[in-house]
Amino acid sequence: MVEISDIRDVLKSLESLKGVVDGLSDDDDLFEKGLDSFGSVQLMLALEERFDIEFPDSALGRRSFSTIHIIRDTVAGLRQQEAA
C-alpha cells in the first residue's frame, strides 16, 4: 500500500517544494505551488527509487504528478502492475 505520508516525504526532498509541503492539501495542484518541469523529473526519479517502480512513457504527463492524491494512485497502480 502506498501511503500519503510516503508521498509527502518524497515531496519534501524536492527543492522546488521546500517549506511548502506541510501546508498542502492532498488535492492542491503541485504545479501551482511551485513544482516545475525540472522538479517533476526529480520527483519521478525519487518516486521510482523509493517505491522500486518505473514510470512508463504513458504516465509521464503533467497530470500524473499534479496532486498528492494522483501521485499516490499512480504509484499504487504501477506497483500493482509490476507485482502481477
N, C-alpha and C. Protein backbone atom coordinates (compact mmCIF):
# COMPACT_ATOMS: atom_id res chain seq x y z
N MET A 1 0.84 -1.19 0.00
CA MET A 1 0.00 0.00 0.00
C MET A 1 0.89 1.25 0.00
N VAL A 2 0.48 2.22 -0.75
CA VAL A 2 1.21 3.48 -0.83
C VAL A 2 0.50 4.49 0.06
N GLU A 3 1.22 5.00 1.03
CA GLU A 3 0.65 5.94 1.99
C GLU A 3 0.89 7.39 1.54
N ILE A 4 -0.06 8.25 1.85
CA ILE A 4 0.07 9.69 1.57
C ILE A 4 1.32 10.24 2.25
N SER A 5 1.61 9.77 3.46
CA SER A 5 2.78 10.27 4.19
C SER A 5 4.08 9.94 3.45
N ASP A 6 4.12 8.80 2.77
CA ASP A 6 5.30 8.44 1.99
C ASP A 6 5.48 9.40 0.81
N ILE A 7 4.38 9.74 0.17
CA ILE A 7 4.43 10.69 -0.95
C ILE A 7 4.90 12.05 -0.44
N ARG A 8 4.37 12.47 0.70
CA ARG A 8 4.77 13.76 1.28
C ARG A 8 6.27 13.77 1.62
N ASP A 9 6.78 12.66 2.11
CA ASP A 9 8.21 12.57 2.42
C ASP A 9 9.05 12.78 1.16
N VAL A 10 8.63 12.18 0.06
CA VAL A 10 9.35 12.35 -1.20
C VAL A 10 9.26 13.80 -1.65
N LEU A 11 8.09 14.40 -1.55
CA LEU A 11 7.91 15.80 -1.97
C LEU A 11 8.79 16.75 -1.15
N LYS A 12 8.98 16.45 0.12
CA LYS A 12 9.80 17.30 0.98
C LYS A 12 11.26 17.32 0.56
N SER A 13 11.67 16.31 -0.20
CA SER A 13 13.06 16.25 -0.65
C SER A 13 13.32 17.13 -1.88
N LEU A 14 12.27 17.67 -2.46
CA LEU A 14 12.40 18.48 -3.68
C LEU A 14 12.67 19.94 -3.34
N GLU A 15 13.65 20.50 -3.99
CA GLU A 15 13.99 21.91 -3.77
C GLU A 15 12.82 22.83 -4.13
N SER A 16 12.11 22.52 -5.22
CA SER A 16 11.05 23.41 -5.69
C SER A 16 9.85 23.46 -4.74
N LEU A 17 9.73 22.50 -3.82
CA LEU A 17 8.61 22.50 -2.88
C LEU A 17 9.05 22.62 -1.43
N LYS A 18 10.33 22.99 -1.22
CA LYS A 18 10.86 23.15 0.14
C LYS A 18 9.99 24.12 0.94
N GLY A 19 9.60 23.69 2.12
CA GLY A 19 8.85 24.55 3.02
C GLY A 19 7.38 24.69 2.68
N VAL A 20 6.90 24.03 1.64
CA VAL A 20 5.52 24.19 1.20
C VAL A 20 4.68 22.93 1.50
N VAL A 21 5.32 21.80 1.53
CA VAL A 21 4.62 20.52 1.56
C VAL A 21 3.67 20.38 2.75
N ASP A 22 4.10 20.78 3.93
CA ASP A 22 3.26 20.62 5.12
C ASP A 22 1.96 21.41 5.03
N GLY A 23 1.93 22.48 4.25
CA GLY A 23 0.73 23.28 4.11
C GLY A 23 -0.17 22.88 2.95
N LEU A 24 0.20 21.83 2.24
CA LEU A 24 -0.57 21.40 1.08
C LEU A 24 -1.70 20.46 1.47
N SER A 25 -2.83 20.62 0.79
CA SER A 25 -3.86 19.59 0.91
C SER A 25 -3.51 18.49 -0.09
N ASP A 26 -4.12 17.35 0.05
CA ASP A 26 -3.82 16.24 -0.85
C ASP A 26 -4.30 16.48 -2.27
N ASP A 27 -5.14 17.51 -2.46
CA ASP A 27 -5.67 17.82 -3.78
C ASP A 27 -5.17 19.13 -4.36
N ASP A 28 -4.24 19.80 -3.68
CA ASP A 28 -3.65 21.03 -4.23
C ASP A 28 -2.85 20.72 -5.48
N ASP A 29 -2.91 21.60 -6.44
CA ASP A 29 -2.13 21.45 -7.66
C ASP A 29 -0.67 21.79 -7.35
N LEU A 30 0.19 20.80 -7.45
CA LEU A 30 1.60 20.99 -7.09
C LEU A 30 2.30 21.95 -8.02
N PHE A 31 1.86 22.03 -9.26
CA PHE A 31 2.49 22.96 -10.21
C PHE A 31 2.13 24.40 -9.86
N GLU A 32 0.95 24.62 -9.30
CA GLU A 32 0.57 25.97 -8.85
C GLU A 32 1.34 26.35 -7.58
N LYS A 33 1.82 25.35 -6.85
CA LYS A 33 2.53 25.59 -5.59
C LYS A 33 4.05 25.65 -5.76
N GLY A 34 4.54 25.52 -7.01
CA GLY A 34 5.97 25.70 -7.22
C GLY A 34 6.69 24.58 -7.95
N LEU A 35 6.04 23.44 -8.14
CA LEU A 35 6.68 22.35 -8.88
C LEU A 35 6.85 22.77 -10.34
N ASP A 36 8.04 22.60 -10.87
CA ASP A 36 8.30 22.93 -12.27
C ASP A 36 8.71 21.67 -13.02
N SER A 37 9.06 21.81 -14.30
CA SER A 37 9.37 20.63 -15.10
C SER A 37 10.61 19.91 -14.56
N PHE A 38 11.63 20.64 -14.13
CA PHE A 38 12.82 20.02 -13.55
C PHE A 38 12.45 19.29 -12.27
N GLY A 39 11.63 19.92 -11.44
CA GLY A 39 11.18 19.30 -10.20
C GLY A 39 10.35 18.06 -10.44
N SER A 40 9.55 18.06 -11.52
CA SER A 40 8.75 16.87 -11.79
C SER A 40 9.62 15.69 -12.22
N VAL A 41 10.73 15.97 -12.91
CA VAL A 41 11.67 14.90 -13.25
C VAL A 41 12.34 14.38 -11.98
N GLN A 42 12.74 15.29 -11.10
CA GLN A 42 13.32 14.86 -9.82
C GLN A 42 12.32 14.04 -9.01
N LEU A 43 11.07 14.47 -9.03
CA LEU A 43 10.01 13.76 -8.33
C LEU A 43 9.85 12.35 -8.89
N MET A 44 9.80 12.24 -10.20
CA MET A 44 9.65 10.93 -10.83
C MET A 44 10.79 10.00 -10.41
N LEU A 45 12.01 10.50 -10.48
CA LEU A 45 13.17 9.68 -10.12
C LEU A 45 13.14 9.28 -8.64
N ALA A 46 12.76 10.20 -7.79
CA ALA A 46 12.68 9.91 -6.35
C ALA A 46 11.59 8.87 -6.05
N LEU A 47 10.46 8.98 -6.75
CA LEU A 47 9.39 8.01 -6.57
C LEU A 47 9.80 6.64 -7.07
N GLU A 48 10.49 6.60 -8.20
CA GLU A 48 10.96 5.32 -8.74
C GLU A 48 11.89 4.64 -7.75
N GLU A 49 12.78 5.41 -7.16
CA GLU A 49 13.73 4.84 -6.20
C GLU A 49 13.03 4.41 -4.91
N ARG A 50 12.18 5.25 -4.40
CA ARG A 50 11.51 4.97 -3.11
C ARG A 50 10.60 3.75 -3.19
N PHE A 51 9.87 3.62 -4.32
CA PHE A 51 8.87 2.56 -4.42
C PHE A 51 9.27 1.42 -5.34
N ASP A 52 10.50 1.46 -5.84
CA ASP A 52 11.01 0.40 -6.71
C ASP A 52 10.08 0.15 -7.90
N ILE A 53 9.78 1.23 -8.62
CA ILE A 53 8.91 1.17 -9.79
C ILE A 53 9.60 1.88 -10.95
N GLU A 54 9.01 1.77 -12.12
CA GLU A 54 9.47 2.53 -13.28
C GLU A 54 8.26 3.12 -13.98
N PHE A 55 8.28 4.43 -14.17
CA PHE A 55 7.18 5.09 -14.85
C PHE A 55 7.26 4.81 -16.35
N PRO A 56 6.18 4.28 -16.93
CA PRO A 56 6.17 4.11 -18.38
C PRO A 56 5.94 5.47 -19.04
N ASP A 57 6.25 5.57 -20.32
CA ASP A 57 6.05 6.83 -21.04
C ASP A 57 4.62 7.34 -20.91
N SER A 58 3.67 6.44 -20.87
CA SER A 58 2.26 6.84 -20.79
C SER A 58 1.91 7.54 -19.48
N ALA A 59 2.75 7.40 -18.46
CA ALA A 59 2.49 8.02 -17.16
C ALA A 59 3.36 9.24 -16.90
N LEU A 60 4.04 9.74 -17.94
CA LEU A 60 4.97 10.85 -17.74
C LEU A 60 4.37 12.22 -18.00
N GLY A 61 3.07 12.30 -18.13
CA GLY A 61 2.43 13.59 -18.34
C GLY A 61 2.31 14.38 -17.05
N ARG A 62 2.04 15.64 -17.20
CA ARG A 62 1.91 16.56 -16.07
C ARG A 62 0.85 16.08 -15.07
N ARG A 63 -0.22 15.49 -15.58
CA ARG A 63 -1.32 15.06 -14.72
C ARG A 63 -0.86 14.03 -13.68
N SER A 64 0.04 13.14 -14.04
CA SER A 64 0.48 12.08 -13.12
C SER A 64 1.15 12.63 -11.86
N PHE A 65 1.62 13.88 -11.93
CA PHE A 65 2.35 14.48 -10.81
C PHE A 65 1.66 15.75 -10.29
N SER A 66 0.38 15.90 -10.62
CA SER A 66 -0.29 17.17 -10.32
C SER A 66 -0.76 17.33 -8.88
N THR A 67 -1.16 16.26 -8.22
CA THR A 67 -1.60 16.35 -6.82
C THR A 67 -1.05 15.15 -6.05
N ILE A 68 -1.08 15.25 -4.75
CA ILE A 68 -0.61 14.16 -3.90
C ILE A 68 -1.50 12.93 -4.09
N HIS A 69 -2.81 13.14 -4.17
CA HIS A 69 -3.73 12.01 -4.39
C HIS A 69 -3.43 11.30 -5.70
N ILE A 70 -3.25 12.07 -6.77
CA ILE A 70 -2.99 11.47 -8.08
C ILE A 70 -1.65 10.74 -8.08
N ILE A 71 -0.65 11.32 -7.44
CA ILE A 71 0.65 10.64 -7.36
C ILE A 71 0.49 9.31 -6.63
N ARG A 72 -0.21 9.32 -5.50
CA ARG A 72 -0.41 8.08 -4.74
C ARG A 72 -1.12 7.03 -5.59
N ASP A 73 -2.18 7.44 -6.29
CA ASP A 73 -2.92 6.49 -7.12
C ASP A 73 -2.07 5.96 -8.27
N THR A 74 -1.27 6.83 -8.88
CA THR A 74 -0.39 6.42 -9.97
C THR A 74 0.65 5.43 -9.49
N VAL A 75 1.31 5.75 -8.38
CA VAL A 75 2.34 4.88 -7.83
C VAL A 75 1.72 3.54 -7.41
N ALA A 76 0.57 3.57 -6.77
CA ALA A 76 -0.09 2.34 -6.34
C ALA A 76 -0.43 1.47 -7.56
N GLY A 77 -0.92 2.08 -8.62
CA GLY A 77 -1.24 1.34 -9.84
C GLY A 77 0.00 0.72 -10.47
N LEU A 78 1.09 1.46 -10.49
CA LEU A 78 2.32 0.93 -11.06
C LEU A 78 2.88 -0.23 -10.23
N ARG A 79 2.79 -0.10 -8.93
CA ARG A 79 3.26 -1.19 -8.05
C ARG A 79 2.43 -2.44 -8.27
N GLN A 80 1.14 -2.24 -8.44
CA GLN A 80 0.23 -3.38 -8.65
C GLN A 80 0.53 -4.05 -9.99
N GLN A 81 0.79 -3.25 -11.03
CA GLN A 81 1.12 -3.82 -12.35
C GLN A 81 2.42 -4.61 -12.29
N GLU A 82 3.41 -4.07 -11.60
CA GLU A 82 4.72 -4.73 -11.55
C GLU A 82 4.67 -5.99 -10.69
N ALA A 83 3.74 -6.05 -9.75
CA ALA A 83 3.61 -7.23 -8.91
C ALA A 83 2.90 -8.37 -9.64
N ALA A 84 2.13 -8.02 -10.65
CA ALA A 84 1.34 -9.04 -11.39
C ALA A 84 2.19 -9.86 -12.33
